[in-house]
Amino acid sequence: MSREMKFLIYCIEEYKLEKGLRGKQALALFEQSGAREYILACYEALHTVGKQYLMQDIDGFIRERQRA
C-alpha cells in the first residue's frame, strides 16, 4: 500500500472520529465531495501539517463542495 493511501485512510479515520461518524458515512462523504481525490492530489502538502489543521482543511473542503 502506498504512503498516499495510508495517509488517506488516516484522514478518513480521524475525520470519522472527530465528527462522530461511522466508517461508511465518512467514506461516502469523502467520495461524494471529492475529498478523497483532493487528499491524494495534495498529499505532499497535507501530510506535513498538524492534525487539527488537517481536519479543519478537510472539513472546509467538504463544506464548500456541499454548498456547490
PDB file of N, CA and C in Angstrom:
ATOM      1  N   MET A   1       0.846  -1.172   0.000  1.00  0.00           N
ATOM      2  CA  MET A   1       0.000   0.000   0.000  1.00  0.00           C
ATOM      3  C   MET A   1       0.896   1.241   0.000  1.00  0.00           C
ATOM      4  N   SER A   2       0.540   2.210  -0.810  1.00  0.00           N
ATOM      5  CA  SER A   2       1.351   3.423  -0.932  1.00  0.00           C
ATOM      6  C   SER A   2       1.200   4.310   0.303  1.00  0.00           C
ATOM      7  N   ARG A   3       2.142   5.189   0.479  1.00  0.00           N
ATOM      8  CA  ARG A   3       2.066   6.116   1.614  1.00  0.00           C
ATOM      9  C   ARG A   3       0.896   7.086   1.459  1.00  0.00           C
ATOM     10  N   GLU A   4       0.544   7.409   0.212  1.00  0.00           N
ATOM     11  CA  GLU A   4      -0.606   8.285  -0.028  1.00  0.00           C
ATOM     12  C   GLU A   4      -1.901   7.617   0.417  1.00  0.00           C
ATOM     13  N   MET A   5      -2.035   6.330   0.119  1.00  0.00           N
ATOM     14  CA  MET A   5      -3.239   5.599   0.530  1.00  0.00           C
ATOM     15  C   MET A   5      -3.293   5.451   2.044  1.00  0.00           C
ATOM     16  N   LYS A   6      -2.159   5.206   2.672  1.00  0.00           N
ATOM     17  CA  LYS A   6      -2.118   5.125   4.131  1.00  0.00           C
ATOM     18  C   LYS A   6      -2.540   6.453   4.744  1.00  0.00           C
ATOM     19  N   PHE A   7      -2.096   7.544   4.153  1.00  0.00           N
ATOM     20  CA  PHE A   7      -2.461   8.872   4.641  1.00  0.00           C
ATOM     21  C   PHE A   7      -3.954   9.128   4.445  1.00  0.00           C
ATOM     22  N   LEU A   8      -4.486   8.721   3.321  1.00  0.00           N
ATOM     23  CA  LEU A   8      -5.918   8.875   3.065  1.00  0.00           C
ATOM     24  C   LEU A   8      -6.728   8.121   4.117  1.00  0.00           C
ATOM     25  N   ILE A   9      -6.334   6.912   4.417  1.00  0.00           N
ATOM     26  CA  ILE A   9      -7.028   6.118   5.435  1.00  0.00           C
ATOM     27  C   ILE A   9      -6.936   6.816   6.795  1.00  0.00           C
ATOM     28  N   TYR A  10      -5.772   7.326   7.116  1.00  0.00           N
ATOM     29  CA  TYR A  10      -5.601   8.081   8.361  1.00  0.00           C
ATOM     30  C   TYR A  10      -6.567   9.261   8.408  1.00  0.00           C
ATOM     31  N   CYS A  11      -6.665  10.006   7.322  1.00  0.00           N
ATOM     32  CA  CYS A  11      -7.549  11.174   7.269  1.00  0.00           C
ATOM     33  C   CYS A  11      -9.006  10.772   7.461  1.00  0.00           C
ATOM     34  N   ILE A  12      -9.429   9.727   6.800  1.00  0.00           N
ATOM     35  CA  ILE A  12     -10.812   9.264   6.926  1.00  0.00           C
ATOM     36  C   ILE A  12     -11.089   8.827   8.356  1.00  0.00           C
ATOM     37  N   GLU A  13     -10.186   8.076   8.944  1.00  0.00           N
ATOM     38  CA  GLU A  13     -10.371   7.601  10.319  1.00  0.00           C
ATOM     39  C   GLU A  13     -10.423   8.757  11.313  1.00  0.00           C
ATOM     40  N   GLU A  14      -9.525   9.697  11.185  1.00  0.00           N
ATOM     41  CA  GLU A  14      -9.506  10.837  12.104  1.00  0.00           C
ATOM     42  C   GLU A  14     -10.741  11.713  11.923  1.00  0.00           C
ATOM     43  N   TYR A  15     -11.150  11.920  10.677  1.00  0.00           N
ATOM     44  CA  TYR A  15     -12.345  12.715  10.405  1.00  0.00           C
ATOM     45  C   TYR A  15     -13.580  12.029  10.975  1.00  0.00           C
ATOM     46  N   LYS A  16     -13.644  10.740  10.807  1.00  0.00           N
ATOM     47  CA  LYS A  16     -14.752   9.949  11.346  1.00  0.00           C
ATOM     48  C   LYS A  16     -14.847  10.125  12.858  1.00  0.00           C
ATOM     49  N   LEU A  17     -13.751  10.005  13.537  1.00  0.00           N
ATOM     50  CA  LEU A  17     -13.735  10.155  14.995  1.00  0.00           C
ATOM     51  C   LEU A  17     -14.102  11.577  15.407  1.00  0.00           C
ATOM     52  N   GLU A  18     -13.561  12.550  14.700  1.00  0.00           N
ATOM     53  CA  GLU A  18     -13.813  13.961  15.029  1.00  0.00           C
ATOM     54  C   GLU A  18     -15.289  14.321  14.868  1.00  0.00           C
ATOM     55  N   LYS A  19     -15.933  13.763  13.864  1.00  0.00           N
ATOM     56  CA  LYS A  19     -17.320  14.116  13.555  1.00  0.00           C
ATOM     57  C   LYS A  19     -18.336  13.118  14.106  1.00  0.00           C
ATOM     58  N   GLY A  20     -17.869  12.060  14.746  1.00  0.00           N
ATOM     59  CA  GLY A  20     -18.777  11.063  15.301  1.00  0.00           C
ATOM     60  C   GLY A  20     -19.535  10.280  14.239  1.00  0.00           C
ATOM     61  N   LEU A  21     -18.856   9.985  13.140  1.00  0.00           N
ATOM     62  CA  LEU A  21     -19.467   9.261  12.025  1.00  0.00           C
ATOM     63  C   LEU A  21     -19.077   7.797  12.061  1.00  0.00           C
ATOM     64  N   ARG A  22     -19.843   6.987  11.357  1.00  0.00           N
ATOM     65  CA  ARG A  22     -19.454   5.599  11.122  1.00  0.00           C
ATOM     66  C   ARG A  22     -18.517   5.584   9.920  1.00  0.00           C
ATOM     67  N   GLY A  23     -17.769   4.515   9.786  1.00  0.00           N
ATOM     68  CA  GLY A  23     -16.811   4.415   8.690  1.00  0.00           C
ATOM     69  C   GLY A  23     -17.444   4.589   7.324  1.00  0.00           C
ATOM     70  N   LYS A  24     -18.572   3.928   7.103  1.00  0.00           N
ATOM     71  CA  LYS A  24     -19.242   4.021   5.797  1.00  0.00           C
ATOM     72  C   LYS A  24     -19.731   5.435   5.523  1.00  0.00           C
ATOM     73  N   GLN A  25     -20.187   6.123   6.573  1.00  0.00           N
ATOM     74  CA  GLN A  25     -20.649   7.501   6.405  1.00  0.00           C
ATOM     75  C   GLN A  25     -19.495   8.410   5.999  1.00  0.00           C
ATOM     76  N   ALA A  26     -18.377   8.260   6.681  1.00  0.00           N
ATOM     77  CA  ALA A  26     -17.215   9.089   6.382  1.00  0.00           C
ATOM     78  C   ALA A  26     -16.701   8.813   4.972  1.00  0.00           C
ATOM     79  N   LEU A  27     -16.613   7.553   4.617  1.00  0.00           N
ATOM     80  CA  LEU A  27     -16.130   7.196   3.287  1.00  0.00           C
ATOM     81  C   LEU A  27     -17.054   7.749   2.205  1.00  0.00           C
ATOM     82  N   ALA A  28     -18.359   7.635   2.398  1.00  0.00           N
ATOM     83  CA  ALA A  28     -19.320   8.171   1.433  1.00  0.00           C
ATOM     84  C   ALA A  28     -19.171   9.683   1.307  1.00  0.00           C
ATOM     85  N   LEU A  29     -18.988  10.362   2.414  1.00  0.00           N
ATOM     86  CA  LEU A  29     -18.812  11.810   2.410  1.00  0.00           C
ATOM     87  C   LEU A  29     -17.551  12.201   1.649  1.00  0.00           C
ATOM     88  N   PHE A  30     -16.469  11.477   1.858  1.00  0.00           N
ATOM     89  CA  PHE A  30     -15.217  11.753   1.155  1.00  0.00           C
ATOM     90  C   PHE A  30     -15.374  11.504  -0.345  1.00  0.00           C
ATOM     91  N   GLU A  31     -16.084  10.464  -0.708  1.00  0.00           N
ATOM     92  CA  GLU A  31     -16.259  10.156  -2.126  1.00  0.00           C
ATOM     93  C   GLU A  31     -17.193  11.151  -2.802  1.00  0.00           C
ATOM     94  N   GLN A  32     -18.301  11.494  -2.165  1.00  0.00           N
ATOM     95  CA  GLN A  32     -19.277  12.421  -2.749  1.00  0.00           C
ATOM     96  C   GLN A  32     -18.711  13.826  -2.918  1.00  0.00           C
ATOM     97  N   SER A  33     -17.891  14.243  -1.975  1.00  0.00           N
ATOM     98  CA  SER A  33     -17.368  15.606  -2.007  1.00  0.00           C
ATOM     99  C   SER A  33     -16.113  15.747  -2.853  1.00  0.00           C
ATOM    100  N   GLY A  34     -15.471  14.660  -3.145  1.00  0.00           N
ATOM    101  CA  GLY A  34     -14.205  14.713  -3.864  1.00  0.00           C
ATOM    102  C   GLY A  34     -13.014  14.875  -2.934  1.00  0.00           C
ATOM    103  N   ALA A  35     -13.249  14.772  -1.620  1.00  0.00           N
ATOM    104  CA  ALA A  35     -12.168  14.922  -0.646  1.00  0.00           C
ATOM    105  C   ALA A  35     -11.100  13.849  -0.823  1.00  0.00           C
ATOM    106  N   ARG A  36     -11.511  12.687  -1.233  1.00  0.00           N
ATOM    107  CA  ARG A  36     -10.547  11.601  -1.440  1.00  0.00           C
ATOM    108  C   ARG A  36      -9.512  12.000  -2.499  1.00  0.00           C
ATOM    109  N   GLU A  37      -9.986  12.507  -3.618  1.00  0.00           N
ATOM    110  CA  GLU A  37      -9.089  12.932  -4.697  1.00  0.00           C
ATOM    111  C   GLU A  37      -8.251  14.124  -4.263  1.00  0.00           C
ATOM    112  N   TYR A  38      -8.872  15.046  -3.531  1.00  0.00           N
ATOM    113  CA  TYR A  38      -8.161  16.226  -3.028  1.00  0.00           C
ATOM    114  C   TYR A  38      -6.986  15.807  -2.142  1.00  0.00           C
ATOM    115  N   ILE A  39      -7.227  14.919  -1.215  1.00  0.00           N
ATOM    116  CA  ILE A  39      -6.180  14.485  -0.290  1.00  0.00           C
ATOM    117  C   ILE A  39      -5.054  13.779  -1.041  1.00  0.00           C
ATOM    118  N   LEU A  40      -5.398  12.929  -1.982  1.00  0.00           N
ATOM    119  CA  LEU A  40      -4.367  12.225  -2.744  1.00  0.00           C
ATOM    120  C   LEU A  40      -3.574  13.192  -3.619  1.00  0.00           C
ATOM    121  N   ALA A  41      -4.251  14.149  -4.236  1.00  0.00           N
ATOM    122  CA  ALA A  41      -3.582  15.113  -5.108  1.00  0.00           C
ATOM    123  C   ALA A  41      -2.685  16.071  -4.326  1.00  0.00           C
ATOM    124  N   CYS A  42      -3.071  16.388  -3.103  1.00  0.00           N
ATOM    125  CA  CYS A  42      -2.336  17.357  -2.285  1.00  0.00           C
ATOM    126  C   CYS A  42      -1.536  16.693  -1.168  1.00  0.00           C
ATOM    127  N   TYR A  43      -1.263  15.420  -1.316  1.00  0.00           N
ATOM    128  CA  TYR A  43      -0.560  14.665  -0.285  1.00  0.00           C
ATOM    129  C   TYR A  43       0.712  15.353   0.174  1.00  0.00           C
ATOM    130  N   GLU A  44       1.539  15.791  -0.757  1.00  0.00           N
ATOM    131  CA  GLU A  44       2.842  16.362  -0.409  1.00  0.00           C
ATOM    132  C   GLU A  44       2.715  17.537   0.552  1.00  0.00           C
ATOM    133  N   ALA A  45       1.692  18.359   0.398  1.00  0.00           N
ATOM    134  CA  ALA A  45       1.494  19.497   1.302  1.00  0.00           C
ATOM    135  C   ALA A  45       0.748  19.084   2.563  1.00  0.00           C
ATOM    136  N   LEU A  46      -0.287  18.285   2.408  1.00  0.00           N
ATOM    137  CA  LEU A  46      -1.152  17.965   3.543  1.00  0.00           C
ATOM    138  C   LEU A  46      -0.480  17.081   4.595  1.00  0.00           C
ATOM    139  N   HIS A  47       0.380  16.195   4.186  1.00  0.00           N
ATOM    140  CA  HIS A  47       0.965  15.283   5.173  1.00  0.00           C
ATOM    141  C   HIS A  47       1.971  15.978   6.093  1.00  0.00           C
ATOM    142  N   THR A  48       2.280  17.229   5.812  1.00  0.00           N
ATOM    143  CA  THR A  48       3.239  17.959   6.636  1.00  0.00           C
ATOM    144  C   THR A  48       2.581  18.818   7.714  1.00  0.00           C
ATOM    145  N   VAL A  49       1.259  18.918   7.701  1.00  0.00           N
ATOM    146  CA  VAL A  49       0.570  19.794   8.654  1.00  0.00           C
ATOM    147  C   VAL A  49       0.079  18.996   9.860  1.00  0.00           C
ATOM    148  N   GLY A  50      -0.264  19.697  10.920  1.00  0.00           N
ATOM    149  CA  GLY A  50      -0.770  19.047  12.124  1.00  0.00           C
ATOM    150  C   GLY A  50      -2.187  18.528  11.940  1.00  0.00           C
ATOM    151  N   LYS A  51      -2.581  17.641  12.839  1.00  0.00           N
ATOM    152  CA  LYS A  51      -3.894  17.005  12.744  1.00  0.00           C
ATOM    153  C   LYS A  51      -5.030  18.016  12.818  1.00  0.00           C
ATOM    154  N   GLN A  52      -4.942  18.979  13.712  1.00  0.00           N
ATOM    155  CA  GLN A  52      -6.019  19.955  13.867  1.00  0.00           C
ATOM    156  C   GLN A  52      -6.217  20.754  12.569  1.00  0.00           C
ATOM    157  N   TYR A  53      -5.124  21.239  12.001  1.00  0.00           N
ATOM    158  CA  TYR A  53      -5.224  21.978  10.740  1.00  0.00           C
ATOM    159  C   TYR A  53      -5.744  21.078   9.631  1.00  0.00           C
ATOM    160  N   LEU A  54      -5.277  19.865   9.590  1.00  0.00           N
ATOM    161  CA  LEU A  54      -5.699  18.916   8.568  1.00  0.00           C
ATOM    162  C   LEU A  54      -7.211  18.682   8.625  1.00  0.00           C
ATOM    163  N   MET A  55      -7.728  18.463   9.834  1.00  0.00           N
ATOM    164  CA  MET A  55      -9.170  18.229   9.985  1.00  0.00           C
ATOM    165  C   MET A  55      -9.964  19.467   9.602  1.00  0.00           C
ATOM    166  N   GLN A  56      -9.483  20.654   9.940  1.00  0.00           N
ATOM    167  CA  GLN A  56     -10.159  21.892   9.560  1.00  0.00           C
ATOM    168  C   GLN A  56     -10.160  22.071   8.046  1.00  0.00           C
ATOM    169  N   ASP A  57      -9.034  21.751   7.428  1.00  0.00           N
ATOM    170  CA  ASP A  57      -8.910  21.884   5.979  1.00  0.00           C
ATOM    171  C   ASP A  57      -9.863  20.929   5.257  1.00  0.00           C
ATOM    172  N   ILE A  58      -9.890  19.692   5.694  1.00  0.00           N
ATOM    173  CA  ILE A  58     -10.774  18.701   5.075  1.00  0.00           C
ATOM    174  C   ILE A  58     -12.231  19.087   5.295  1.00  0.00           C
ATOM    175  N   ASP A  59     -12.566  19.515   6.508  1.00  0.00           N
ATOM    176  CA  ASP A  59     -13.937  19.919   6.814  1.00  0.00           C
ATOM    177  C   ASP A  59     -14.350  21.107   5.945  1.00  0.00           C
ATOM    178  N   GLY A  60     -13.473  22.075   5.800  1.00  0.00           N
ATOM    179  CA  GLY A  60     -13.757  23.227   4.938  1.00  0.00           C
ATOM    180  C   GLY A  60     -13.952  22.814   3.495  1.00  0.00           C
ATOM    181  N   PHE A  61     -13.130  21.905   3.019  1.00  0.00           N
ATOM    182  CA  PHE A  61     -13.247  21.413   1.644  1.00  0.00           C
ATOM    183  C   PHE A  61     -14.609  20.742   1.437  1.00  0.00           C
ATOM    184  N   ILE A  62     -14.987  19.873   2.367  1.00  0.00           N
ATOM    185  CA  ILE A  62     -16.255  19.153   2.255  1.00  0.00           C
ATOM    186  C   ILE A  62     -17.428  20.125   2.313  1.00  0.00           C
ATOM    187  N   ARG A  63     -17.384  21.086   3.213  1.00  0.00           N
ATOM    188  CA  ARG A  63     -18.474  22.074   3.319  1.00  0.00           C
ATOM    189  C   ARG A  63     -18.631  22.871   2.039  1.00  0.00           C
ATOM    190  N   GLU A  64     -17.515  23.294   1.456  1.00  0.00           N
ATOM    191  CA  GLU A  64     -17.573  24.056   0.194  1.00  0.00           C
ATOM    192  C   GLU A  64     -18.198  23.210  -0.914  1.00  0.00           C
ATOM    193  N   ARG A  65     -17.847  21.973  -0.984  1.00  0.00           N
ATOM    194  CA  ARG A  65     -18.392  21.084  -2.022  1.00  0.00           C
ATOM    195  C   ARG A  65     -19.865  20.814  -1.809  1.00  0.00           C
ATOM    196  N   GLN A  66     -20.317  20.778  -0.550  1.00  0.00           N
ATOM    197  CA  GLN A  66     -21.724  20.525  -0.271  1.00  0.00           C
ATOM    198  C   GLN A  66     -22.578  21.733  -0.644  1.00  0.00           C
ATOM    199  N   ARG A  67     -22.007  22.928  -0.576  1.00  0.00           N
ATOM    200  CA  ARG A  67     -22.726  24.156  -0.959  1.00  0.00           C
ATOM    201  C   ARG A  67     -22.893  24.281  -2.461  1.00  0.00           C
ATOM    202  N   ALA A  68     -21.964  23.725  -3.195  1.00  0.00           N
ATOM    203  CA  ALA A  68     -21.969  23.876  -4.667  1.00  0.00           C
ATOM    204  C   ALA A  68     -23.072  23.091  -5.329  1.00  0.00           C
TER     205      ALA A  68
END
